[in-house]
Amino acid sequence: PWESTDPVRVVNLLDHTTGFDDFKLNRMYSLARTD
């Protein structure tokens, strides 16, 4: 929502300062052998 004044930059991804939520608990592991 703040992209015009405070955009997400590469450094934010590296430093964990994007403000994104971490993985949803159903999107980390699976028993299916899928690549």
Full PDB file with SEQRES, HELIX, SHEET, SSBOND, CRYST1, ORIGX, SCALE, CONECT and MASTER records, all heavy atoms in Angstrom:
SEQRES   1 A   35  PRO TRP GLU SER THR ASP PRO VAL ARG VAL VAL ASN LEU          
SEQRES   2 A   35  LEU ASP HIS THR THR GLY PHE ASP ASP PHE LYS LEU ASN          
SEQRES   3 A   35  ARG MET TYR SER LEU ALA ARG THR ASP                          
HELIX    1 AA1 VAL A   10  ASP A   15  1                                   6    
CRYST1    1.000    1.000    1.000  90.00  90.00  90.00 P 1           1          
ORIGX1      1.000000  0.000000  0.000000        0.00000                         
ORIGX2      0.000000  1.000000  0.000000        0.00000                         
ORIGX3      0.000000  0.000000  1.000000        0.00000                         
SCALE1      1.000000  0.000000  0.000000        0.00000                         
SCALE2      0.000000  1.000000  0.000000        0.00000                         
SCALE3      0.000000  0.000000  1.000000        0.00000                         
ATOM      1  N   PRO A   1       0.810  -1.228   0.000  1.00  0.00           N  
ATOM      2  CA  PRO A   1       0.000   0.000   0.000  1.00  0.00           C  
ATOM      3  C   PRO A   1       0.839   1.273   0.000  1.00  0.00           C  
ATOM      4  O   PRO A   1       0.316   2.351  -0.316  1.00  0.00           O  
ATOM      5  CB  PRO A   1      -0.817  -0.117   1.305  1.00  0.00           C  
ATOM      6  CG  PRO A   1      -0.790  -1.577   1.650  1.00  0.00           C  
ATOM      7  CD  PRO A   1       0.529  -2.076   1.170  1.00  0.00           C  
ATOM      8  N   TRP A   2       2.125   1.176   0.357  1.00  0.00           N  
ATOM      9  CA  TRP A   2       2.997   2.347   0.450  1.00  0.00           C  
ATOM     10  C   TRP A   2       4.016   2.390  -0.688  1.00  0.00           C  
ATOM     11  O   TRP A   2       5.052   3.046  -0.577  1.00  0.00           O  
ATOM     12  CB  TRP A   2       3.728   2.339   1.791  1.00  0.00           C  
ATOM     13  CG  TRP A   2       2.815   2.295   2.970  1.00  0.00           C  
ATOM     14  CD1 TRP A   2       2.211   3.347   3.591  1.00  0.00           C  
ATOM     15  CD2 TRP A   2       2.397   1.121   3.686  1.00  0.00           C  
ATOM     16  NE1 TRP A   2       1.439   2.914   4.639  1.00  0.00           N  
ATOM     17  CE2 TRP A   2       1.533   1.548   4.733  1.00  0.00           C  
ATOM     18  CE3 TRP A   2       2.653  -0.247   3.567  1.00  0.00           C  
ATOM     19  CZ2 TRP A   2       0.943   0.666   5.621  1.00  0.00           C  
ATOM     20  CZ3 TRP A   2       2.067  -1.130   4.458  1.00  0.00           C  
ATOM     21  CH2 TRP A   2       1.219  -0.682   5.461  1.00  0.00           C  
ATOM     22  N   GLU A   3       3.744   1.707  -1.783  1.00  0.00           N  
ATOM     23  CA  GLU A   3       4.729   1.546  -2.857  1.00  0.00           C  
ATOM     24  C   GLU A   3       5.193   2.890  -3.421  1.00  0.00           C  
ATOM     25  O   GLU A   3       6.361   3.056  -3.787  1.00  0.00           O  
ATOM     26  CB  GLU A   3       4.149   0.680  -3.973  1.00  0.00           C  
ATOM     27  CG  GLU A   3       5.109   0.356  -5.105  1.00  0.00           C  
ATOM     28  CD  GLU A   3       6.254  -0.560  -4.691  1.00  0.00           C  
ATOM     29  OE1 GLU A   3       6.109  -1.256  -3.660  1.00  0.00           O  
ATOM     30  OE2 GLU A   3       7.282  -0.582  -5.394  1.00  0.00           O  
ATOM     31  N   SER A   4       4.315   3.865  -3.500  1.00  0.00           N  
ATOM     32  CA  SER A   4       4.681   5.153  -4.105  1.00  0.00           C  
ATOM     33  C   SER A   4       5.699   5.914  -3.270  1.00  0.00           C  
ATOM     34  O   SER A   4       6.536   6.646  -3.812  1.00  0.00           O  
ATOM     35  CB  SER A   4       3.431   6.009  -4.319  1.00  0.00           C  
ATOM     36  OG  SER A   4       2.787   6.273  -3.071  1.00  0.00           O  
ATOM     37  N   THR A   5       5.657   5.739  -1.956  1.00  0.00           N  
ATOM     38  CA  THR A   5       6.590   6.472  -1.085  1.00  0.00           C  
ATOM     39  C   THR A   5       7.644   5.563  -0.458  1.00  0.00           C  
ATOM     40  O   THR A   5       8.781   5.992  -0.217  1.00  0.00           O  
ATOM     41  CB  THR A   5       5.820   7.174   0.052  1.00  0.00           C  
ATOM     42  OG1 THR A   5       5.043   6.196   0.771  1.00  0.00           O  
ATOM     43  CG2 THR A   5       4.893   8.242  -0.508  1.00  0.00           C  
ATOM     44  N   ASP A   6       7.292   4.317  -0.203  1.00  0.00           N  
ATOM     45  CA  ASP A   6       8.210   3.373   0.445  1.00  0.00           C  
ATOM     46  C   ASP A   6       8.187   2.041  -0.315  1.00  0.00           C  
ATOM     47  O   ASP A   6       7.546   1.080   0.100  1.00  0.00           O  
ATOM     48  CB  ASP A   6       7.806   3.140   1.906  1.00  0.00           C  
ATOM     49  CG  ASP A   6       7.819   4.416   2.717  1.00  0.00           C  
ATOM     50  OD1 ASP A   6       8.889   4.776   3.222  1.00  0.00           O  
ATOM     51  OD2 ASP A   6       6.747   5.059   2.838  1.00  0.00           O  
ATOM     52  N   PRO A   7       8.866   1.981  -1.457  1.00  0.00           N  
ATOM     53  CA  PRO A   7       8.813   0.768  -2.276  1.00  0.00           C  
ATOM     54  C   PRO A   7       9.614  -0.385  -1.669  1.00  0.00           C  
ATOM     55  O   PRO A   7      10.505  -0.174  -0.847  1.00  0.00           O  
ATOM     56  CB  PRO A   7       9.440   1.227  -3.595  1.00  0.00           C  
ATOM     57  CG  PRO A   7      10.383   2.312  -3.192  1.00  0.00           C  
ATOM     58  CD  PRO A   7       9.713   3.032  -2.049  1.00  0.00           C  
ATOM     59  N   VAL A   8       9.264  -1.593  -2.073  1.00  0.00           N  
ATOM     60  CA  VAL A   8      10.047  -2.768  -1.712  1.00  0.00           C  
ATOM     61  C   VAL A   8      11.277  -2.803  -2.608  1.00  0.00           C  
ATOM     62  O   VAL A   8      11.163  -2.775  -3.836  1.00  0.00           O  
ATOM     63  CB  VAL A   8       9.237  -4.066  -1.887  1.00  0.00           C  
ATOM     64  CG1 VAL A   8      10.103  -5.293  -1.602  1.00  0.00           C  
ATOM     65  CG2 VAL A   8       8.016  -4.058  -0.978  1.00  0.00           C  
ATOM     66  N   ARG A   9      12.460  -2.859  -1.984  1.00  0.00           N  
ATOM     67  CA  ARG A   9      13.713  -2.880  -2.725  1.00  0.00           C  
ATOM     68  C   ARG A   9      14.458  -4.193  -2.457  1.00  0.00           C  
ATOM     69  O   ARG A   9      14.110  -4.948  -1.538  1.00  0.00           O  
ATOM     70  CB  ARG A   9      14.590  -1.685  -2.334  1.00  0.00           C  
ATOM     71  CG  ARG A   9      13.921  -0.324  -2.556  1.00  0.00           C  
ATOM     72  CD  ARG A   9      14.819   0.823  -2.123  1.00  0.00           C  
ATOM     73  NE  ARG A   9      14.140   2.116  -2.200  1.00  0.00           N  
ATOM     74  CZ  ARG A   9      14.082   2.873  -3.285  1.00  0.00           C  
ATOM     75  NH1 ARG A   9      14.670   2.458  -4.412  1.00  0.00           N  
ATOM     76  NH2 ARG A   9      13.453   4.032  -3.284  1.00  0.00           N  
ATOM     77  N   VAL A  10      15.494  -4.447  -3.222  1.00  0.00           N  
ATOM     78  CA  VAL A  10      16.296  -5.664  -3.055  1.00  0.00           C  
ATOM     79  C   VAL A  10      16.854  -5.751  -1.651  1.00  0.00           C  
ATOM     80  O   VAL A  10      16.855  -6.816  -1.024  1.00  0.00           O  
ATOM     81  CB  VAL A  10      17.432  -5.709  -4.103  1.00  0.00           C  
ATOM     82  CG1 VAL A  10      18.372  -6.888  -3.821  1.00  0.00           C  
ATOM     83  CG2 VAL A  10      16.861  -5.810  -5.506  1.00  0.00           C  
ATOM     84  N   VAL A  11      17.318  -4.639  -1.114  1.00  0.00           N  
ATOM     85  CA  VAL A  11      17.903  -4.646   0.219  1.00  0.00           C  
ATOM     86  C   VAL A  11      16.877  -5.053   1.277  1.00  0.00           C  
ATOM     87  O   VAL A  11      17.220  -5.680   2.283  1.00  0.00           O  
ATOM     88  CB  VAL A  11      18.525  -3.273   0.561  1.00  0.00           C  
ATOM     89  CG1 VAL A  11      17.452  -2.195   0.704  1.00  0.00           C  
ATOM     90  CG2 VAL A  11      19.395  -3.354   1.807  1.00  0.00           C  
ATOM     91  N   ASN A  12      15.606  -4.730   1.054  1.00  0.00           N  
ATOM     92  CA  ASN A  12      14.560  -5.138   1.995  1.00  0.00           C  
ATOM     93  C   ASN A  12      14.393  -6.644   2.015  1.00  0.00           C  
ATOM     94  O   ASN A  12      14.162  -7.246   3.075  1.00  0.00           O  
ATOM     95  CB  ASN A  12      13.230  -4.492   1.634  1.00  0.00           C  
ATOM     96  CG  ASN A  12      13.261  -2.978   1.685  1.00  0.00           C  
ATOM     97  OD1 ASN A  12      12.852  -2.314   0.744  1.00  0.00           O  
ATOM     98  ND2 ASN A  12      13.750  -2.420   2.779  1.00  0.00           N  
ATOM     99  N   LEU A  13      14.510  -7.273   0.860  1.00  0.00           N  
ATOM    100  CA  LEU A  13      14.432  -8.731   0.787  1.00  0.00           C  
ATOM    101  C   LEU A  13      15.600  -9.365   1.538  1.00  0.00           C  
ATOM    102  O   LEU A  13      15.423 -10.328   2.284  1.00  0.00           O  
ATOM    103  CB  LEU A  13      14.437  -9.185  -0.677  1.00  0.00           C  
ATOM    104  CG  LEU A  13      13.258  -8.710  -1.535  1.00  0.00           C  
ATOM    105  CD1 LEU A  13      13.549  -8.948  -3.008  1.00  0.00           C  
ATOM    106  CD2 LEU A  13      11.972  -9.415  -1.137  1.00  0.00           C  
ATOM    107  N   LEU A  14      16.782  -8.834   1.370  1.00  0.00           N  
ATOM    108  CA  LEU A  14      17.978  -9.371   2.028  1.00  0.00           C  
ATOM    109  C   LEU A  14      17.902  -9.213   3.540  1.00  0.00           C  
ATOM    110  O   LEU A  14      18.263 -10.118   4.291  1.00  0.00           O  
ATOM    111  CB  LEU A  14      19.230  -8.668   1.502  1.00  0.00           C  
ATOM    112  CG  LEU A  14      19.714  -9.047   0.104  1.00  0.00           C  
ATOM    113  CD1 LEU A  14      20.763  -8.055  -0.372  1.00  0.00           C  
ATOM    114  CD2 LEU A  14      20.287 -10.461   0.090  1.00  0.00           C  
ATOM    115  N   ASP A  15      17.438  -8.044   3.990  1.00  0.00           N  
ATOM    116  CA  ASP A  15      17.442  -7.698   5.417  1.00  0.00           C  
ATOM    117  C   ASP A  15      16.172  -8.109   6.148  1.00  0.00           C  
ATOM    118  O   ASP A  15      16.048  -7.870   7.348  1.00  0.00           O  
ATOM    119  CB  ASP A  15      17.614  -6.182   5.595  1.00  0.00           C  
ATOM    120  CG  ASP A  15      19.005  -5.700   5.259  1.00  0.00           C  
ATOM    121  OD1 ASP A  15      19.842  -6.535   4.863  1.00  0.00           O  
ATOM    122  OD2 ASP A  15      19.263  -4.490   5.371  1.00  0.00           O  
ATOM    123  N   HIS A  16      15.202  -8.680   5.461  1.00  0.00           N  
ATOM    124  CA  HIS A  16      13.898  -9.033   6.048  1.00  0.00           C  
ATOM    125  C   HIS A  16      13.155  -7.796   6.546  1.00  0.00           C  
ATOM    126  O   HIS A  16      12.623  -7.766   7.652  1.00  0.00           O  
ATOM    127  CB  HIS A  16      14.070 -10.022   7.203  1.00  0.00           C  
ATOM    128  CG  HIS A  16      14.636 -11.344   6.794  1.00  0.00           C  
ATOM    129  ND1 HIS A  16      14.029 -12.163   5.881  1.00  0.00           N  
ATOM    130  CD2 HIS A  16      15.767 -11.984   7.176  1.00  0.00           C  
ATOM    131  CE1 HIS A  16      14.756 -13.264   5.726  1.00  0.00           C  
ATOM    132  NE2 HIS A  16      15.815 -13.181   6.479  1.00  0.00           N  
ATOM    133  N   THR A  17      13.122  -6.766   5.726  1.00  0.00           N  
ATOM    134  CA  THR A  17      12.412  -5.541   6.104  1.00  0.00           C  
ATOM    135  C   THR A  17      11.326  -5.185   5.090  1.00  0.00           C  
ATOM    136  O   THR A  17      10.973  -4.011   4.937  1.00  0.00           O  
ATOM    137  CB  THR A  17      13.384  -4.357   6.270  1.00  0.00           C  
ATOM    138  OG1 THR A  17      14.140  -4.204   5.058  1.00  0.00           O  
ATOM    139  CG2 THR A  17      14.339  -4.585   7.429  1.00  0.00           C  
ATOM    140  N   THR A  18      10.789  -6.185   4.388  1.00  0.00           N  
ATOM    141  CA  THR A  18       9.709  -5.930   3.433  1.00  0.00           C  
ATOM    142  C   THR A  18       8.377  -5.688   4.122  1.00  0.00           C  
ATOM    143  O   THR A  18       7.521  -4.985   3.603  1.00  0.00           O  
ATOM    144  CB  THR A  18       9.541  -7.131   2.479  1.00  0.00           C  
ATOM    145  OG1 THR A  18       9.296  -8.304   3.267  1.00  0.00           O  
ATOM    146  CG2 THR A  18      10.779  -7.341   1.629  1.00  0.00           C  
ATOM    147  N   GLY A  19       8.181  -6.320   5.289  1.00  0.00           N  
ATOM    148  CA  GLY A  19       6.879  -6.283   5.954  1.00  0.00           C  
ATOM    149  C   GLY A  19       5.972  -7.422   5.537  1.00  0.00           C  
ATOM    150  O   GLY A  19       4.829  -7.513   5.996  1.00  0.00           O  
ATOM    151  N   PHE A  20       6.456  -8.314   4.655  1.00  0.00           N  
ATOM    152  CA  PHE A  20       5.652  -9.472   4.252  1.00  0.00           C  
ATOM    153  C   PHE A  20       5.433 -10.411   5.427  1.00  0.00           C  
ATOM    154  O   PHE A  20       6.252 -10.485   6.354  1.00  0.00           O  
ATOM    155  CB  PHE A  20       6.347 -10.258   3.137  1.00  0.00           C  
ATOM    156  CG  PHE A  20       6.470  -9.523   1.825  1.00  0.00           C  
ATOM    157  CD1 PHE A  20       7.487  -9.833   0.938  1.00  0.00           C  
ATOM    158  CD2 PHE A  20       5.567  -8.533   1.468  1.00  0.00           C  
ATOM    159  CE1 PHE A  20       7.606  -9.171  -0.279  1.00  0.00           C  
ATOM    160  CE2 PHE A  20       5.680  -7.866   0.260  1.00  0.00           C  
ATOM    161  CZ  PHE A  20       6.707  -8.184  -0.614  1.00  0.00           C  
ATOM    162  N   ASP A  21       4.328 -11.151   5.364  1.00  0.00           N  
ATOM    163  CA  ASP A  21       4.096 -12.241   6.302  1.00  0.00           C  
ATOM    164  C   ASP A  21       5.040 -13.381   5.940  1.00  0.00           C  
ATOM    165  O   ASP A  21       5.433 -13.537   4.783  1.00  0.00           O  
ATOM    166  CB  ASP A  21       2.641 -12.703   6.173  1.00  0.00           C  
ATOM    167  CG  ASP A  21       2.188 -13.571   7.341  1.00  0.00           C  
ATOM    168  OD1 ASP A  21       2.923 -13.652   8.343  1.00  0.00           O  
ATOM    169  OD2 ASP A  21       1.101 -14.164   7.249  1.00  0.00           O  
ATOM    170  N   ASP A  22       5.436 -14.204   6.930  1.00  0.00           N  
ATOM    171  CA  ASP A  22       6.247 -15.375   6.625  1.00  0.00           C  
ATOM    172  C   ASP A  22       5.346 -16.426   5.979  1.00  0.00           C  
ATOM    173  O   ASP A  22       4.134 -16.240   5.856  1.00  0.00           O  
ATOM    174  CB  ASP A  22       6.923 -15.910   7.884  1.00  0.00           C  
ATOM    175  CG  ASP A  22       8.187 -16.710   7.552  1.00  0.00           C  
ATOM    176  OD1 ASP A  22       8.438 -16.981   6.358  1.00  0.00           O  
ATOM    177  OD2 ASP A  22       8.926 -17.073   8.486  1.00  0.00           O  
ATOM    178  N   PHE A  23       5.944 -17.545   5.582  1.00  0.00           N  
ATOM    179  CA  PHE A  23       5.189 -18.576   4.880  1.00  0.00           C  
ATOM    180  C   PHE A  23       3.927 -18.952   5.648  1.00  0.00           C  
ATOM    181  O   PHE A  23       3.919 -19.015   6.867  1.00  0.00           O  
ATOM    182  CB  PHE A  23       6.052 -19.826   4.673  1.00  0.00           C  
ATOM    183  CG  PHE A  23       6.552 -20.459   5.952  1.00  0.00           C  
ATOM    184  CD1 PHE A  23       5.774 -21.352   6.660  1.00  0.00           C  
ATOM    185  CD2 PHE A  23       7.816 -20.163   6.431  1.00  0.00           C  
ATOM    186  CE1 PHE A  23       6.224 -21.925   7.835  1.00  0.00           C  
ATOM    187  CE2 PHE A  23       8.278 -20.743   7.604  1.00  0.00           C  
ATOM    188  CZ  PHE A  23       7.479 -21.624   8.310  1.00  0.00           C  
ATOM    189  N   LYS A  24       2.844 -19.197   4.924  1.00  0.00           N  
ATOM    190  CA  LYS A  24       1.661 -19.759   5.543  1.00  0.00           C  
ATOM    191  C   LYS A  24       1.990 -21.191   5.958  1.00  0.00           C  
ATOM    192  O   LYS A  24       2.772 -21.881   5.294  1.00  0.00           O  
ATOM    193  CB  LYS A  24       0.482 -19.752   4.563  1.00  0.00           C  
ATOM    194  CG  LYS A  24       0.135 -18.363   4.024  1.00  0.00           C  
ATOM    195  CD  LYS A  24      -0.227 -17.383   5.120  1.00  0.00           C  
ATOM    196  CE  LYS A  24      -0.600 -16.029   4.551  1.00  0.00           C  
ATOM    197  NZ  LYS A  24      -0.922 -15.020   5.606  1.00  0.00           N  
ATOM    198  N   LEU A  25       1.403 -21.637   7.055  1.00  0.00           N  
ATOM    199  CA  LEU A  25       1.822 -22.902   7.646  1.00  0.00           C  
ATOM    200  C   LEU A  25       1.522 -24.106   6.752  1.00  0.00           C  
ATOM    201  O   LEU A  25       2.062 -25.194   6.987  1.00  0.00           O  
ATOM    202  CB  LEU A  25       1.154 -23.078   9.010  1.00  0.00           C  
ATOM    203  CG  LEU A  25       1.539 -22.022  10.055  1.00  0.00           C  
ATOM    204  CD1 LEU A  25       0.797 -22.267  11.360  1.00  0.00           C  
ATOM    205  CD2 LEU A  25       3.037 -21.996  10.291  1.00  0.00           C  
ATOM    206  N   ASN A  26       0.695 -23.930   5.736  1.00  0.00           N  
ATOM    207  CA  ASN A  26       0.420 -25.023   4.802  1.00  0.00           C  
ATOM    208  C   ASN A  26       1.285 -24.936   3.547  1.00  0.00           C  
ATOM    209  O   ASN A  26       1.079 -25.692   2.592  1.00  0.00           O  
ATOM    210  CB  ASN A  26      -1.058 -25.023   4.396  1.00  0.00           C  
ATOM    211  CG  ASN A  26      -1.470 -23.733   3.705  1.00  0.00           C  
ATOM    212  OD1 ASN A  26      -0.931 -22.675   4.005  1.00  0.00           O  
ATOM    213  ND2 ASN A  26      -2.412 -23.814   2.785  1.00  0.00           N  
ATOM    214  N   ARG A  27       2.245 -24.029   3.527  1.00  0.00           N  
ATOM    215  CA  ARG A  27       3.059 -23.805   2.334  1.00  0.00           C  
ATOM    216  C   ARG A  27       4.553 -23.928   2.623  1.00  0.00           C  
ATOM    217  O   ARG A  27       5.372 -23.240   2.012  1.00  0.00           O  
ATOM    218  CB  ARG A  27       2.736 -22.439   1.718  1.00  0.00           C  
ATOM    219  CG  ARG A  27       1.309 -22.349   1.213  1.00  0.00           C  
ATOM    220  CD  ARG A  27       0.924 -20.958   0.788  1.00  0.00           C  
ATOM    221  NE  ARG A  27      -0.491 -20.903   0.413  1.00  0.00           N  
ATOM    222  CZ  ARG A  27      -0.939 -21.014  -0.824  1.00  0.00           C  
ATOM    223  NH1 ARG A  27      -0.085 -21.181  -1.824  1.00  0.00           N  
ATOM    224  NH2 ARG A  27      -2.232 -20.962  -1.074  1.00  0.00           N  
ATOM    225  N   MET A  28       4.892 -24.798   3.570  1.00  0.00           N  
ATOM    226  CA  MET A  28       6.306 -25.020   3.891  1.00  0.00           C  
ATOM    227  C   MET A  28       6.747 -26.436   3.547  1.00  0.00           C  
ATOM    228  O   MET A  28       7.803 -26.639   2.964  1.00  0.00           O  
ATOM    229  CB  MET A  28       6.554 -24.753   5.376  1.00  0.00           C  
ATOM    230  CG  MET A  28       8.010 -24.942   5.771  1.00  0.00           C  
ATOM    231  SD  MET A  28       8.304 -24.563   7.515  1.00  0.00           S  
ATOM    232  CE  MET A  28      10.073 -24.811   7.611  1.00  0.00           C  
ATOM    233  N   TYR A  29       5.934 -27.440   3.936  1.00  0.00           N  
ATOM    234  CA  TYR A  29       6.318 -28.830   3.730  1.00  0.00           C  
ATOM    235  C   TYR A  29       5.220 -29.591   2.990  1.00  0.00           C  
ATOM    236  O   TYR A  29       4.039 -29.249   3.054  1.00  0.00           O  
ATOM    237  CB  TYR A  29       6.527 -29.542   5.065  1.00  0.00           C  
ATOM    238  CG  TYR A  29       7.750 -29.137   5.844  1.00  0.00           C  
ATOM    239  CD1 TYR A  29       7.637 -28.737   7.175  1.00  0.00           C  
ATOM    240  CD2 TYR A  29       9.013 -29.179   5.282  1.00  0.00           C  
ATOM    241  CE1 TYR A  29       8.754 -28.377   7.917  1.00  0.00           C  
ATOM    242  CE2 TYR A  29      10.136 -28.829   6.012  1.00  0.00           C  
ATOM    243  CZ  TYR A  29      10.002 -28.427   7.335  1.00  0.00           C  
ATOM    244  OH  TYR A  29      11.108 -28.082   8.057  1.00  0.00           O  
ATOM    245  N   SER A  30       5.644 -30.673   2.343  1.00  0.00           N  
ATOM    246  CA  SER A  30       4.722 -31.620   1.744  1.00  0.00           C  
ATOM    247  C   SER A  30       5.385 -32.987   1.752  1.00  0.00           C  
ATOM    248  O   SER A  30       6.614 -33.085   1.685  1.00  0.00           O  
ATOM    249  CB  SER A  30       4.393 -31.207   0.305  1.00  0.00           C  
ATOM    250  OG  SER A  30       3.668 -32.233  -0.355  1.00  0.00           O  
ATOM    251  N   LEU A  31       4.584 -34.030   1.829  1.00  0.00           N  
ATOM    252  CA  LEU A  31       5.141 -35.377   1.733  1.00  0.00           C  
ATOM    253  C   LEU A  31       5.253 -35.824   0.272  1.00  0.00           C  
ATOM    254  O   LEU A  31       5.900 -36.833  -0.025  1.00  0.00           O  
ATOM    255  CB  LEU A  31       4.288 -36.378   2.518  1.00  0.00           C  
ATOM    256  CG  LEU A  31       4.447 -36.350   4.043  1.00  0.00           C  
ATOM    257  CD1 LEU A  31       3.653 -37.483   4.679  1.00  0.00           C  
ATOM    258  CD2 LEU A  31       5.914 -36.440   4.458  1.00  0.00           C  
ATOM    259  N   ALA A  32       4.613 -35.079  -0.631  1.00  0.00           N  
ATOM    260  CA  ALA A  32       4.690 -35.416  -2.051  1.00  0.00           C  
ATOM    261  C   ALA A  32       6.093 -35.131  -2.575  1.00  0.00           C  
ATOM    262  O   ALA A  32       6.663 -34.072  -2.307  1.00  0.00           O  
ATOM    263  CB  ALA A  32       3.667 -34.608  -2.837  1.00  0.00           C  
ATOM    264  N   ARG A  33       6.647 -36.075  -3.306  1.00  0.00           N  
ATOM    265  CA  ARG A  33       7.983 -35.903  -3.870  1.00  0.00           C  
ATOM    266  C   ARG A  33       7.858 -35.103  -5.169  1.00  0.00           C  
ATOM    267  O   ARG A  33       7.847 -35.641  -6.269  1.00  0.00           O  
ATOM    268  CB  ARG A  33       8.622 -37.265  -4.125  1.00  0.00           C  
ATOM    269  CG  ARG A  33       9.001 -37.987  -2.840  1.00  0.00           C  
ATOM    270  CD  ARG A  33      10.117 -37.201  -2.137  1.00  0.00           C  
ATOM    271  NE  ARG A  33      10.618 -37.872  -0.937  1.00  0.00           N  
ATOM    272  CZ  ARG A  33      10.344 -37.500   0.292  1.00  0.00           C  
ATOM    273  NH1 ARG A  33       9.526 -36.476   0.505  1.00  0.00           N  
ATOM    274  NH2 ARG A  33      10.861 -38.122   1.317  1.00  0.00           N  
ATOM    275  N   THR A  34       7.755 -33.800  -5.010  1.00  0.00           N  
ATOM    276  CA  THR A  34       7.529 -32.909  -6.144  1.00  0.00           C  
ATOM    277  C   THR A  34       8.659 -31.908  -6.247  1.00  0.00           C  
ATOM    278  O   THR A  34       9.067 -31.313  -5.250  1.00  0.00           O  
ATOM    279  CB  THR A  34       6.197 -32.145  -5.987  1.00  0.00           C  
ATOM    280  OG1 THR A  34       5.148 -33.076  -5.767  1.00  0.00           O  
ATOM    281  CG2 THR A  34       5.899 -31.326  -7.223  1.00  0.00           C  
ATOM    282  N   ASP A  35       9.168 -31.730  -7.469  1.00  0.00           N  
ATOM    283  CA  ASP A  35      10.177 -30.698  -7.716  1.00  0.00           C  
ATOM    284  C   ASP A  35       9.515 -29.482  -8.348  1.00  0.00           C  
ATOM    285  O   ASP A  35       8.650 -29.609  -9.221  1.00  0.00           O  
ATOM    286  CB  ASP A  35      11.273 -31.239  -8.640  1.00  0.00           C  
ATOM    287  CG  ASP A  35      12.154 -32.259  -7.942  1.00  0.00           C  
ATOM    288  OD1 ASP A  35      12.731 -31.908  -6.904  1.00  0.00           O  
ATOM    289  OD2 ASP A  35      12.255 -33.398  -8.439  1.00  0.00           O  
TER     290      ASP A  35                                                      
MASTER        0    0    0    1    0    0    0    6  289    1    0    3          
END                                                                             
